[in-house]
């Protein structure tokens, strides 16, 4: 599972008065990077202070990147975007961040070596699995539509691969990109009416392989490559079913009906974890299915979202409401056999923020000594415009 921006937890925005506990944090700022970057760690003996404020969160509020350990449950504040920017993706080796909005920049997570990759306004920037390139969607108002571009991490080799598209996702071998192409003209697109397209990363050719759906205001969903690269899971035309197809357009079949529009693959074995809505209070939960669409296990947790496999597929991390505050999301983990559920975070607030409810992405550390034992996650947050 890769990190990316602009995946929103439905119904988690909050307005009004919030009493928050602000832990003692010591930031190290890198103004030239456009980031407030630090290993911000809450001391075990820190005395909390309580602050009560009223705030409204406008669109475009920034986000912050955290890392939490599966065993110690200790969270580290890795980086924070300045107002109006987003941390869009973390490199596969966990050392670099792609961030920005008015332009795309990269920097190491400690703030060093910040540079502009392109001056285009961007969204949905994603590192290739080999860490050498970045794909992104241009949201420049001068463009007709939403073209997809690829650029080398050093800013060279910028080229367009599609004149229109959303939610680009790299294949495991970093050679191909699948994306959703909304139907329409210019910057106007038809809700639900879209096509699944696969394009060569060098821009030489593309293939329209299946109908899909696109409704970002409701449930933004993206294609998902199998670890072998032989299959793509994607939302069906009505956003309530999960389909499978080979990248060449063959082998299409409906995997399961009446499920959420998002799924991620186990890194080992032909299994997927997917969102679905239960028949009781109609809250999102998640489960595991095989390639025939057979439900192997239901991992019940009301309000769960963003389930993500660990590198060896032994654990699944996900976001779900705090048991003491159902409007605040926390990170949980559970073994893939359904045992050992644990709450990993008890985040109250980013320093000087009023609302920090939205967890918008989760990803496991996949390399180095922390692989499979540490988890990255993003939170959107909002600061008080009138402190």
Protein backbone atom coordinates (compact mmCIF):
# COMPACT_ATOMS: atom_id res chain seq x y z
CA UNK A 1 0.00 0.00 0.00
CA UNK A 2 1.32 3.41 -0.99
CA UNK A 3 0.74 6.78 0.58
CA UNK A 4 -1.09 9.41 -1.35
CA UNK A 5 -3.17 12.49 -0.82
CA UNK A 6 -6.81 13.34 -1.40
CA UNK A 7 -8.45 10.25 0.01
CA UNK A 8 -11.03 11.53 2.41
CA UNK A 9 -12.71 9.73 5.26
CA UNK A 10 -16.42 10.32 4.64
CA UNK A 11 -18.24 12.06 7.44
CA UNK A 12 -15.23 12.81 9.64
CA UNK A 13 -15.11 16.60 9.28
CA UNK A 14 -16.03 18.46 12.43
CA UNK A 15 -17.03 22.01 13.30
CA UNK A 16 -17.66 23.85 16.53
CA UNK A 17 -15.96 23.86 19.90
CA UNK A 18 -13.37 21.25 20.76
CA UNK A 19 -11.48 20.74 23.99
CA UNK A 20 -8.04 19.41 23.15
CA UNK A 21 -5.00 18.16 24.99
CA UNK A 22 -1.81 19.60 23.53
CA UNK A 23 1.25 17.45 24.35
CA UNK A 24 4.64 19.11 24.81
CA UNK A 25 6.31 18.94 21.41
CA UNK A 26 9.64 20.36 20.23
CA UNK A 27 9.60 21.12 16.49
CA UNK A 28 12.63 21.62 14.26
CA UNK A 29 11.56 23.86 11.35
CA UNK A 30 12.90 23.88 7.80
CA UNK A 31 11.36 26.97 6.23
CA UNK A 32 13.19 26.55 2.94
CA UNK A 33 11.52 23.19 2.43
CA UNK A 34 8.07 24.62 2.95
CA UNK A 35 7.68 22.03 5.71
CA UNK A 36 7.74 21.98 9.46
CA UNK A 37 9.75 18.79 9.78
CA UNK A 38 10.78 17.07 12.96
CA UNK A 39 10.98 13.84 14.89
CA UNK A 40 8.31 15.20 17.25
CA UNK A 41 7.87 12.73 20.05
CA UNK A 42 5.63 13.05 23.07
CA UNK A 43 7.78 12.56 26.21
CA UNK A 44 6.37 9.86 28.44
CA UNK A 45 6.18 12.22 31.42
CA UNK A 46 4.88 15.25 29.52
CA UNK A 47 2.23 17.17 31.42
CA UNK A 48 -0.67 17.92 29.07
CA UNK A 49 -2.40 21.26 28.90
CA UNK A 50 -6.04 21.71 27.95
CA UNK A 51 -7.19 24.27 25.39
CA UNK A 52 -10.75 25.03 24.31
CA UNK A 53 -11.30 26.79 20.98
CA UNK A 54 -13.93 27.20 18.30
CA UNK A 55 -12.86 26.72 14.69
CA UNK A 56 -14.10 26.19 11.19
CA UNK A 57 -11.97 24.13 8.86
CA UNK A 58 -11.97 25.48 5.30
CA UNK A 59 -11.18 23.31 2.33
CA UNK A 60 -7.48 22.88 1.70
CA UNK A 61 -6.41 22.47 5.32
CA UNK A 62 -2.95 20.85 5.48
CA UNK A 63 -1.89 17.45 6.75
CA UNK A 64 0.86 15.89 8.83
CA UNK A 65 2.74 12.60 8.63
CA UNK A 66 3.22 10.34 11.65
CA UNK A 67 4.83 6.98 12.32
CA UNK A 68 3.68 4.56 15.03
CA UNK A 69 5.31 1.35 16.22
CA UNK A 70 3.22 -1.83 16.31
CA UNK A 71 4.78 -3.03 19.57
CA UNK A 72 5.51 0.07 21.64
CA UNK A 73 2.52 2.04 20.25
CA UNK A 74 4.71 5.14 20.36
CA UNK A 75 3.93 7.79 17.74
CA UNK A 76 6.53 10.04 16.14
CA UNK A 77 5.56 13.24 14.32
CA UNK A 78 7.59 13.08 11.10
CA UNK A 79 6.54 16.13 9.06
CA UNK A 80 3.85 18.78 8.71
CA UNK A 81 2.82 20.63 5.57
CA UNK A 82 2.41 24.37 5.77
CA UNK A 83 -1.04 25.87 5.22
CA UNK A 84 -2.31 25.29 1.68
CA UNK A 85 0.13 22.45 0.97
CA UNK A 86 -0.17 18.70 1.25
CA UNK A 87 2.26 15.91 1.91
CA UNK A 88 1.22 13.88 -1.09
CA UNK A 89 3.35 10.74 -0.87
CA UNK A 90 6.22 9.03 0.90
CA UNK A 91 8.96 7.34 -1.15
CA UNK A 92 9.16 3.52 -1.01
CA UNK A 93 12.29 3.65 1.16
CA UNK A 94 10.61 6.08 3.58
CA UNK A 95 13.32 8.72 3.16
CA UNK A 96 11.68 11.27 0.86
CA UNK A 97 8.40 13.17 0.81
CA UNK A 98 6.60 14.53 -2.25
CA UNK A 99 4.60 17.57 -1.17
CA UNK A 100 3.03 20.84 -2.28
CA UNK A 101 -0.02 21.90 -4.20
CA UNK A 102 0.78 25.06 -6.20
CA UNK A 103 3.96 23.24 -7.25
CA UNK A 104 5.39 19.77 -6.63
CA UNK A 105 8.45 19.58 -4.38
CA UNK A 106 10.44 16.79 -2.76
CA UNK A 107 12.53 16.76 0.40
CA UNK A 108 14.02 14.22 2.76
CA UNK A 109 11.86 13.61 5.81
CA UNK A 110 14.40 15.54 7.93
CA UNK A 111 13.96 18.59 5.67
CA UNK A 112 17.24 18.35 3.76
CA UNK A 113 17.72 18.58 0.00
CA UNK A 114 14.35 20.22 -0.71
CA UNK A 115 13.81 21.03 -4.36
CA UNK A 116 11.05 21.82 -6.82
CA UNK A 117 10.29 18.99 -9.23
CA UNK A 118 7.72 20.89 -11.30
CA UNK A 119 5.99 24.25 -11.03
CA UNK A 120 2.67 22.77 -12.12
CA UNK A 121 -0.18 22.74 -9.57
CA UNK A 122 -0.55 19.06 -8.69
CA UNK A 123 -2.55 16.45 -6.85
CA UNK A 124 -2.36 12.66 -6.46
CA UNK A 125 1.45 12.60 -6.74
CA UNK A 126 2.82 9.08 -6.24
CA UNK A 127 6.33 7.68 -6.23
CA UNK A 128 7.08 4.72 -8.47
CA UNK A 129 7.87 1.47 -6.61
CA UNK A 130 11.53 1.77 -7.66
CA UNK A 131 11.65 5.31 -6.23
CA UNK A 132 12.95 6.88 -9.44
CA UNK A 133 9.87 8.70 -10.79
CA UNK A 134 6.69 10.44 -9.70
CA UNK A 135 3.32 10.41 -11.45
CA UNK A 136 0.87 13.24 -10.76
CA UNK A 137 -2.30 14.91 -11.99
CA UNK A 138 -1.99 18.51 -13.15
CA UNK A 139 -4.73 20.77 -11.82
CA UNK A 140 -3.49 23.87 -13.61
CA UNK A 141 -6.62 25.87 -14.59
CA UNK A 142 -4.94 26.61 -17.93
CA UNK A 143 -5.11 22.92 -18.82
CA UNK A 144 -8.11 21.42 -20.54
CA UNK A 145 -9.08 18.48 -18.39
CA UNK A 146 -6.78 16.91 -15.80
CA UNK A 147 -3.68 15.61 -17.63
CA UNK A 148 -1.43 13.01 -16.03
CA UNK A 149 2.32 13.60 -16.08
CA UNK A 150 5.40 11.60 -15.10
CA UNK A 151 8.67 13.18 -13.96
CA UNK A 152 11.97 11.88 -12.65
CA UNK A 153 12.57 12.50 -8.95
CA UNK A 154 15.31 15.01 -9.83
CA UNK A 155 12.90 17.05 -11.99
CA UNK A 156 14.15 15.84 -15.37
CA UNK A 157 12.23 13.88 -17.99
CA UNK A 158 8.86 15.58 -17.51
CA UNK A 159 6.31 14.19 -19.97
CA UNK A 160 2.54 13.78 -20.30
CA UNK A 161 1.08 10.27 -20.50
CA UNK A 162 -2.64 11.14 -20.70
CA UNK A 163 -4.63 14.26 -21.50
CA UNK A 164 -7.20 13.44 -18.84
CA UNK A 165 -7.28 11.21 -15.78
CA UNK A 166 -7.51 10.76 -12.03
CA UNK A 167 -6.13 8.41 -9.35
CA UNK A 168 -2.98 7.17 -11.16
CA UNK A 169 -1.42 4.02 -9.66
CA UNK A 170 1.93 2.45 -10.59
CA UNK A 171 2.29 -1.21 -11.52
CA UNK A 172 4.68 -3.19 -9.28
CA UNK A 173 7.44 -3.12 -11.92
CA UNK A 174 7.22 0.71 -12.30
CA UNK A 175 6.62 0.40 -16.04
CA UNK A 176 2.86 0.94 -16.30
CA UNK A 177 0.26 3.23 -14.75
CA UNK A 178 -3.44 2.48 -14.31
CA UNK A 179 -5.82 5.38 -13.84
CA UNK A 180 -9.45 6.43 -14.02
CA UNK A 181 -10.44 8.57 -16.99
CA UNK A 182 -13.68 10.51 -16.35
CA UNK A 183 -15.80 11.05 -19.43
CA UNK A 184 -16.64 14.59 -20.50
CA UNK A 185 -14.92 17.58 -22.02
CA UNK A 186 -12.55 20.19 -20.65
CA UNK A 187 -12.73 20.48 -16.88
CA UNK A 188 -16.29 19.14 -16.80
CA UNK A 189 -16.70 15.42 -16.22
CA UNK A 190 -19.60 13.05 -15.87
CA UNK A 191 -20.11 11.64 -12.37
CA UNK A 192 -20.00 7.82 -12.33
CA UNK A 193 -19.18 7.63 -16.06
CA UNK A 194 -15.51 6.79 -16.46
CA UNK A 195 -13.07 4.35 -18.02
CA UNK A 196 -10.22 2.32 -16.57
CA UNK A 197 -7.08 2.99 -18.63
CA UNK A 198 -3.60 1.47 -18.52
CA UNK A 199 -0.71 3.50 -19.97
CA UNK A 200 3.02 2.96 -20.42
CA UNK A 201 4.98 5.17 -18.03
CA UNK A 202 7.06 6.48 -20.92
CA UNK A 203 3.91 7.76 -22.61
CA UNK A 204 4.30 5.66 -25.75
CA UNK A 205 0.91 3.91 -25.63
CA UNK A 206 -2.24 3.39 -23.57
CA UNK A 207 -5.16 0.97 -23.51
CA UNK A 208 -8.78 1.63 -22.48
CA UNK A 209 -9.75 -1.63 -20.81
CA UNK A 210 -13.05 -1.33 -18.90
CA UNK A 211 -15.89 0.91 -17.69
CA UNK A 212 -15.56 2.13 -14.12
CA UNK A 213 -17.00 4.86 -11.91
CA UNK A 214 -15.70 8.17 -10.62
CA UNK A 215 -17.44 10.12 -7.88
CA UNK A 216 -14.73 11.82 -5.78
CA UNK A 217 -17.26 13.87 -3.83
CA UNK A 218 -18.73 10.60 -2.53
CA UNK A 219 -16.16 7.80 -2.49
CA UNK A 220 -12.85 8.48 -4.25
CA UNK A 221 -11.59 5.10 -5.37
CA UNK A 222 -8.52 4.02 -7.26
CA UNK A 223 -7.39 0.92 -9.12
CA UNK A 224 -5.25 -1.53 -7.18
CA UNK A 225 -2.55 -3.72 -8.78
CA UNK A 226 -1.92 -7.25 -7.55
CA UNK A 227 1.68 -7.82 -6.30
CA UNK A 228 2.41 -9.93 -9.40
CA UNK A 229 1.03 -7.26 -11.72
CA UNK A 230 -1.30 -9.80 -13.34
CA UNK A 231 -4.55 -8.32 -12.02
CA UNK A 232 -6.12 -4.95 -11.35
CA UNK A 233 -8.94 -4.62 -8.82
CA UNK A 234 -11.16 -1.60 -9.41
CA UNK A 235 -14.63 -0.25 -8.59
CA UNK A 236 -17.42 -1.43 -10.86
CA UNK A 237 -19.57 1.03 -12.82
CA UNK A 238 -21.88 1.77 -9.88
CA UNK A 239 -19.28 2.05 -7.09
CA UNK A 240 -20.91 -0.76 -5.11
CA UNK A 241 -19.04 -3.71 -6.50
CA UNK A 242 -15.43 -4.83 -6.92
CA UNK A 243 -14.21 -6.05 -10.33
CA UNK A 244 -11.03 -7.78 -11.50
CA UNK A 245 -9.32 -7.55 -14.88
CA UNK A 246 -5.94 -8.28 -16.46
CA UNK A 247 -3.94 -5.21 -17.59
CA UNK A 248 -4.45 -6.22 -21.23
CA UNK A 249 -8.25 -6.08 -20.79
CA UNK A 250 -8.83 -9.83 -20.64
CA UNK A 251 -10.25 -11.98 -17.87
CA UNK A 252 -12.78 -9.47 -16.57
CA UNK A 253 -15.13 -10.69 -13.87
CA UNK A 254 -17.11 -9.30 -10.98
CA UNK A 255 -15.34 -10.20 -7.77
CA UNK A 256 -18.06 -9.19 -5.32
CA UNK A 257 -21.22 -7.08 -5.23
CA UNK A 258 -22.44 -4.74 -2.49
CA UNK A 259 -18.99 -3.78 -1.25
CA UNK A 260 -17.03 -0.56 -0.95
CA UNK A 261 -15.10 0.77 -3.88
CA UNK A 262 -11.63 0.27 -2.45
CA UNK A 263 -9.49 -2.82 -1.91
CA UNK A 264 -5.83 -3.64 -1.31
CA UNK A 265 -3.92 -6.82 -2.06
CA UNK A 266 -2.06 -9.02 0.38
CA UNK A 267 1.62 -8.94 -0.46
CA UNK A 268 1.72 -12.72 -0.05
CA UNK A 269 -1.10 -14.88 -1.41
CA UNK A 270 -4.07 -14.09 -3.64
CA UNK A 271 -6.21 -12.28 -1.10
CA UNK A 272 -7.68 -8.80 -0.84
CA UNK A 273 -8.93 -6.80 2.09
CA UNK A 274 -11.93 -4.66 1.20
CA UNK A 275 -14.45 -2.25 2.68
CA UNK A 276 -18.10 -3.21 2.96
CA UNK A 277 -21.21 -1.94 4.72
CA UNK A 278 -22.81 -4.23 7.24
CA UNK A 279 -26.54 -4.89 7.34
CA UNK A 280 -27.09 -3.51 10.84
CA UNK A 281 -26.21 0.13 11.52
CA UNK A 282 -24.81 0.41 7.98
CA UNK A 283 -21.33 1.30 9.21
CA UNK A 284 -18.26 0.56 7.10
CA UNK A 285 -16.36 -2.55 8.15
CA UNK A 286 -13.89 -4.73 6.30
CA UNK A 287 -13.14 -8.30 5.41
CA UNK A 288 -10.83 -10.58 3.43
CA UNK A 289 -11.78 -12.25 0.17
CA UNK A 290 -10.04 -14.52 -2.34
CA UNK A 291 -9.90 -14.14 -6.10
CA UNK A 292 -13.18 -16.01 -6.51
CA UNK A 293 -14.95 -13.45 -4.36
CA UNK A 294 -15.40 -15.82 -1.42
CA UNK A 295 -15.32 -14.05 1.90
CA UNK A 296 -12.59 -15.70 3.94
CA UNK A 297 -12.97 -13.67 7.10
CA UNK A 298 -14.92 -10.72 8.44
CA UNK A 299 -12.79 -8.45 10.61
CA UNK A 300 -15.60 -6.68 12.37
CA UNK A 301 -15.03 -3.12 13.54
CA UNK A 302 -17.75 -0.54 12.96
CA UNK A 303 -16.56 2.53 11.09
CA UNK A 304 -13.33 0.92 9.86
CA UNK A 305 -11.58 2.31 6.79
CA UNK A 306 -8.25 2.22 4.89
CA UNK A 307 -7.33 -1.41 5.74
CA UNK A 308 -3.71 -2.04 4.71
CA UNK A 309 -1.61 -5.22 4.73
CA UNK A 310 1.78 -5.52 6.43
CA UNK A 311 4.75 -6.55 4.22
CA UNK A 312 4.43 -10.26 5.10
CA UNK A 313 0.61 -10.10 5.17
CA UNK A 314 0.55 -11.11 8.84
CA UNK A 315 -1.15 -7.90 10.04
CA UNK A 316 -3.72 -5.42 8.77
CA UNK A 317 -3.64 -1.82 9.93
CA UNK A 318 -6.73 0.36 9.59
CA UNK A 319 -8.45 3.50 10.86
CA UNK A 320 -11.58 3.43 13.04
CA UNK A 321 -13.34 5.73 15.49
CA UNK A 322 -11.87 6.32 18.92
CA UNK A 323 -14.00 4.35 21.45
CA UNK A 324 -14.19 7.46 23.65
CA UNK A 325 -14.83 9.94 20.83
CA UNK A 326 -16.49 8.43 17.76
CA UNK A 327 -15.76 11.50 15.65
CA UNK A 328 -12.00 11.12 16.09
CA UNK A 329 -10.19 8.43 14.10
CA UNK A 330 -7.37 6.29 15.51
CA UNK A 331 -5.04 3.63 14.08
CA UNK A 332 -5.64 -0.04 14.91
CA UNK A 333 -3.99 -3.30 13.88
CA UNK A 334 -5.26 -6.86 13.77
CA UNK A 335 -3.68 -10.13 12.67
CA UNK A 336 -4.98 -11.41 9.36
CA UNK A 337 -6.46 -14.44 11.16
CA UNK A 338 -8.68 -12.05 13.15
CA UNK A 339 -6.77 -12.24 16.44
CA UNK A 340 -4.70 -9.74 18.40
CA UNK A 341 -6.65 -6.55 17.68
CA UNK A 342 -4.94 -3.53 19.26
CA UNK A 343 -5.34 0.24 19.26
CA UNK A 344 -2.01 1.80 18.31
CA UNK A 345 -2.65 5.52 18.63
CA UNK A 346 -4.30 7.80 21.08
CA UNK A 347 -3.60 11.01 19.17
CA UNK A 348 -5.34 14.04 20.49
CA UNK A 349 -3.92 16.87 18.49
CA UNK A 350 -1.11 18.26 16.40
CA UNK A 351 0.52 21.23 18.10
CA UNK A 352 -1.56 24.41 17.64
CA UNK A 353 -4.26 22.51 15.75
CA UNK A 354 -7.88 22.45 16.81
CA UNK A 355 -9.25 19.56 14.81
CA UNK A 356 -7.16 16.53 13.86
CA UNK A 357 -9.84 14.00 13.08
CA UNK A 358 -9.24 12.93 9.50
CA UNK A 359 -6.90 10.02 8.88
CA UNK A 360 -6.52 10.04 5.12
CA UNK A 361 -3.94 7.33 4.44
CA UNK A 362 -2.08 4.46 6.11
CA UNK A 363 1.01 2.56 4.94
CA UNK A 364 3.42 0.09 6.52
CA UNK A 365 7.18 0.56 6.60
CA UNK A 366 8.35 -1.97 4.02
CA UNK A 367 12.16 -1.72 4.19
CA UNK A 368 14.82 -1.75 6.89
CA UNK A 369 14.67 -2.94 10.51
CA UNK A 370 11.26 -1.35 11.09
CA UNK A 371 9.65 -3.23 8.17
CA UNK A 372 6.37 -4.76 9.27
CA UNK A 373 6.60 -3.23 12.75
CA UNK A 374 5.99 0.46 12.04
CA UNK A 375 3.16 2.25 10.26
CA UNK A 376 2.96 5.66 8.62
CA UNK A 377 -0.28 7.60 8.64
CA UNK A 378 -1.55 11.03 7.60
CA UNK A 379 -3.89 13.27 9.52
CA UNK A 380 -5.60 16.36 8.17
CA UNK A 381 -5.80 19.14 10.70
CA UNK A 382 -7.17 22.62 11.15
CA UNK A 383 -5.72 25.58 13.04
CA UNK A 384 -7.79 28.28 14.65
CA UNK A 385 -7.86 31.36 12.37
CA UNK A 386 -8.51 33.53 15.45
CA UNK A 387 -6.45 32.09 18.35
